[in-house]
Amino acid sequence: MLLLGCLGAGWIPVAEQKDVGMLLMSFVFPLELVATVFAFLARDTLGATTLGLFTTSWLALGWADMSAQPGSRSVALGIYLFGFATVVLLIALMSTLGKPFFTLLLGIACARMVLAGSYEVGGGHALYTASGGVALALTVLALYGGTALSLEDARHREVLPLFRRGGADEAFQGFDAQLGRLEAEPGVRQQL
């Protein structure tokens, strides 16, 4: 997101668009793919689905940046961003039930996609610059979330608030709450 933000803000020259694409495909995509696999193995369906969608999105955006002429627009990419923003918005709404921090994170990501998509389909350059600013804000928020989760993992308690509710909060209250519904989990129950 830092790369997309800096490209949109003009801090990375348009001539280096292909470099941004290569970094998205070679660095971001594989790391998020590994995270997606682990989220599925941890049975975090919503997290794994979200990560999986973003994983392939990094590959698609990187490929688009690599294959396009620097600075060119693509109506197809704009429509893709609108469609992806819609899916991300739906996931953000589902996240409100237990993980409002992720609702905020996904909501801002959705706004960035709509701004970038609007530019791609013919909107003014100010939309692309605004999408870069939103991407930079999203980068800061993601750094906060990553720091909060890392500290939580190291200290075995919440250090920086992530505002969990419901089942997401119960996961920190001990195993009893989680084990009570284990029989109904996919892979444990006999039938779907």
Protein backbone atom coordinates (compact mmCIF):
# COMPACT_ATOMS: atom_id res chain seq x y z
CA MET A 1 0.00 0.00 0.00
CA LEU A 2 2.97 2.26 0.66
CA LEU A 3 4.10 1.78 -2.95
CA LEU A 4 0.63 2.52 -4.36
CA GLY A 5 0.35 5.55 -2.09
CA CYS A 6 3.72 6.96 -3.12
CA LEU A 7 2.98 6.32 -6.81
CA GLY A 8 -0.41 8.05 -6.52
CA ALA A 9 1.05 10.97 -4.56
CA GLY A 10 3.74 11.42 -7.21
CA TRP A 11 6.63 10.55 -4.88
CA ILE A 12 7.54 7.60 -7.11
CA PRO A 13 8.03 8.83 -10.69
CA VAL A 14 5.51 7.47 -13.21
CA ALA A 15 8.48 6.06 -15.18
CA GLU A 16 9.04 3.62 -12.27
CA GLN A 17 5.51 2.18 -12.43
CA LYS A 18 6.90 -1.14 -13.69
CA ASP A 19 9.19 -1.31 -10.63
CA VAL A 20 6.14 -0.91 -8.39
CA GLY A 21 4.41 -3.72 -10.28
CA MET A 22 7.41 -6.00 -9.92
CA LEU A 23 7.61 -5.38 -6.17
CA LEU A 24 3.89 -6.07 -5.73
CA MET A 25 4.20 -9.37 -7.59
CA SER A 26 7.53 -10.53 -6.15
CA PHE A 27 7.27 -9.38 -2.54
CA VAL A 28 3.72 -8.57 -1.46
CA PHE A 29 1.89 -11.34 -3.34
CA PRO A 30 3.95 -14.31 -2.04
CA LEU A 31 3.97 -13.12 1.58
CA GLU A 32 0.23 -12.56 1.61
CA LEU A 33 -0.30 -15.93 -0.05
CA VAL A 34 1.51 -17.62 2.85
CA ALA A 35 -0.60 -15.62 5.32
CA THR A 36 -3.74 -16.74 3.46
CA VAL A 37 -2.80 -20.41 3.76
CA PHE A 38 -2.14 -20.06 7.48
CA ALA A 39 -5.43 -18.23 8.01
CA PHE A 40 -7.31 -21.08 6.33
CA LEU A 41 -5.41 -23.62 8.44
CA ALA A 42 -6.36 -21.62 11.55
CA ARG A 43 -10.02 -21.83 10.43
CA ASP A 44 -10.36 -18.06 10.27
CA THR A 45 -12.74 -18.15 7.33
CA LEU A 46 -13.37 -14.42 7.03
CA GLY A 47 -9.71 -13.54 7.54
CA ALA A 48 -8.57 -16.17 5.06
CA THR A 49 -11.11 -15.09 2.46
CA THR A 50 -10.09 -11.45 2.85
CA LEU A 51 -6.39 -12.27 2.66
CA GLY A 52 -6.97 -14.52 -0.35
CA LEU A 53 -8.81 -11.80 -2.22
CA PHE A 54 -6.14 -9.23 -1.45
CA THR A 55 -3.41 -11.75 -2.33
CA THR A 56 -4.62 -12.15 -5.87
CA SER A 57 -5.39 -8.44 -6.07
CA TRP A 58 -1.71 -7.65 -5.43
CA LEU A 59 -0.79 -10.00 -8.24
CA ALA A 60 -3.37 -8.42 -10.58
CA LEU A 61 -2.34 -4.85 -9.72
CA GLY A 62 1.33 -5.70 -10.03
CA TRP A 63 0.76 -7.35 -13.39
CA ALA A 64 -1.26 -4.37 -14.59
CA ASP A 65 1.54 -1.98 -13.57
CA MET A 66 4.15 -4.21 -15.21
CA SER A 67 2.37 -4.64 -18.52
CA ALA A 68 0.92 -1.14 -19.05
CA GLN A 69 2.65 1.89 -20.43
CA PRO A 70 3.67 4.11 -17.49
CA GLY A 71 0.92 6.60 -16.70
CA SER A 72 -1.69 4.98 -18.95
CA ARG A 73 -5.25 4.35 -17.79
CA SER A 74 -7.36 1.22 -18.08
CA VAL A 75 -11.14 1.14 -18.00
CA ALA A 76 -10.92 -2.61 -17.34
CA LEU A 77 -8.73 -1.98 -14.29
CA GLY A 78 -11.14 0.71 -13.09
CA ILE A 79 -14.10 -1.66 -13.33
CA TYR A 80 -12.08 -4.34 -11.54
CA LEU A 81 -11.34 -1.87 -8.73
CA PHE A 82 -15.06 -0.99 -8.44
CA GLY A 83 -16.00 -4.67 -8.27
CA PHE A 84 -13.28 -5.46 -5.76
CA ALA A 85 -14.28 -2.43 -3.67
CA THR A 86 -17.83 -3.80 -3.53
CA VAL A 87 -16.61 -7.17 -2.26
CA VAL A 88 -14.31 -5.51 0.27
CA LEU A 89 -17.18 -3.32 1.49
CA LEU A 90 -19.33 -6.43 2.08
CA ILE A 91 -16.49 -8.08 4.03
CA ALA A 92 -16.02 -4.84 6.01
CA LEU A 93 -19.70 -4.90 6.97
CA MET A 94 -19.39 -8.52 8.13
CA SER A 95 -16.32 -7.57 10.19
CA THR A 96 -18.36 -5.11 12.26
CA LEU A 97 -19.74 -8.06 14.22
CA GLY A 98 -16.42 -8.86 15.87
CA LYS A 99 -13.52 -6.90 14.47
CA PRO A 100 -14.34 -3.20 14.06
CA PHE A 101 -10.66 -2.29 13.54
CA PHE A 102 -10.67 -4.41 10.40
CA THR A 103 -13.93 -2.76 9.34
CA LEU A 104 -12.13 0.58 9.45
CA LEU A 105 -9.09 -0.81 7.62
CA LEU A 106 -11.21 -2.41 4.88
CA GLY A 107 -13.43 0.67 4.60
CA ILE A 108 -10.41 2.87 3.92
CA ALA A 109 -9.08 0.30 1.43
CA CYS A 110 -12.46 0.42 -0.30
CA ALA A 111 -12.30 4.22 -0.53
CA ARG A 112 -8.83 3.99 -2.09
CA MET A 113 -10.08 1.52 -4.69
CA VAL A 114 -13.05 3.70 -5.60
CA LEU A 115 -10.82 6.76 -6.01
CA ALA A 116 -8.24 4.86 -8.09
CA GLY A 117 -11.00 3.20 -10.13
CA SER A 118 -12.64 6.56 -10.81
CA TYR A 119 -9.33 7.87 -12.14
CA GLU A 120 -8.83 4.76 -14.30
CA VAL A 121 -12.21 5.15 -16.01
CA GLY A 122 -11.53 8.79 -16.90
CA GLY A 123 -11.72 10.92 -13.78
CA GLY A 124 -9.35 13.80 -13.10
CA HIS A 125 -5.79 13.29 -11.91
CA ALA A 126 -6.78 14.70 -8.50
CA LEU A 127 -8.64 11.42 -7.88
CA TYR A 128 -5.43 9.45 -8.41
CA THR A 129 -3.54 11.80 -6.08
CA ALA A 130 -6.32 11.46 -3.50
CA SER A 131 -6.14 7.65 -3.81
CA GLY A 132 -2.43 7.95 -3.05
CA GLY A 133 -3.15 10.00 0.07
CA VAL A 134 -5.74 7.48 1.24
CA ALA A 135 -3.26 4.65 0.57
CA LEU A 136 -0.66 6.38 2.73
CA ALA A 137 -3.21 6.79 5.55
CA LEU A 138 -4.08 3.12 5.14
CA THR A 139 -0.38 2.26 5.41
CA VAL A 140 -0.16 4.06 8.76
CA LEU A 141 -3.31 2.34 10.04
CA ALA A 142 -2.03 -1.08 8.90
CA LEU A 143 1.29 -0.44 10.68
CA TYR A 144 -0.67 0.30 13.86
CA GLY A 145 -2.66 -2.92 13.46
CA GLY A 146 0.44 -4.98 12.76
CA THR A 147 2.17 -3.49 15.79
CA ALA A 148 -0.88 -4.13 17.98
CA LEU A 149 -1.12 -7.76 16.84
CA SER A 150 2.63 -8.33 17.30
CA LEU A 151 2.62 -6.86 20.80
CA GLU A 152 -0.45 -8.91 21.63
CA ASP A 153 1.32 -12.06 20.46
CA ALA A 154 4.46 -11.24 22.44
CA ARG A 155 2.68 -10.19 25.67
CA HIS A 156 -0.25 -12.66 25.43
CA ARG A 157 -2.66 -9.84 26.14
CA GLU A 158 -4.04 -6.80 24.37
CA VAL A 159 -1.55 -3.91 24.59
CA LEU A 160 -2.90 -1.56 21.90
CA PRO A 161 -6.69 -1.64 21.42
CA LEU A 162 -8.17 -3.38 18.38
CA PHE A 163 -11.74 -3.11 19.74
CA ARG A 164 -12.74 -6.77 19.29
CA ARG A 165 -16.28 -7.85 20.09
CA GLY A 166 -18.24 -11.10 20.28
CA GLY A 167 -16.44 -14.26 19.18
CA ALA A 168 -13.27 -12.36 18.34
CA ASP A 169 -13.14 -11.08 21.92
CA GLU A 170 -14.06 -14.51 23.34
CA ALA A 171 -10.92 -15.96 21.76
CA PHE A 172 -8.97 -14.04 24.42
CA GLN A 173 -11.16 -15.15 27.31
CA GLY A 174 -9.80 -18.72 27.35
CA PHE A 175 -10.40 -22.00 25.62
CA ASP A 176 -13.76 -22.88 27.23
CA ALA A 177 -15.72 -20.46 25.04
CA GLN A 178 -13.98 -21.72 21.90
CA LEU A 179 -14.20 -25.42 22.71
CA GLY A 180 -17.95 -25.19 23.33
CA ARG A 181 -18.63 -24.80 19.62
CA LEU A 182 -15.84 -27.07 18.34
CA GLU A 183 -18.22 -29.91 17.47
CA ALA A 184 -19.96 -27.73 14.89
CA GLU A 185 -16.75 -26.65 13.14
CA PRO A 186 -16.00 -27.75 9.56
CA GLY A 187 -13.59 -30.66 9.55
CA VAL A 188 -14.84 -31.82 12.96
CA ARG A 189 -18.53 -32.40 12.32
CA GLN A 190 -19.53 -35.47 10.34
CA GLN A 191 -21.58 -33.70 7.67
CA LEU A 192 -22.03 -30.19 6.29
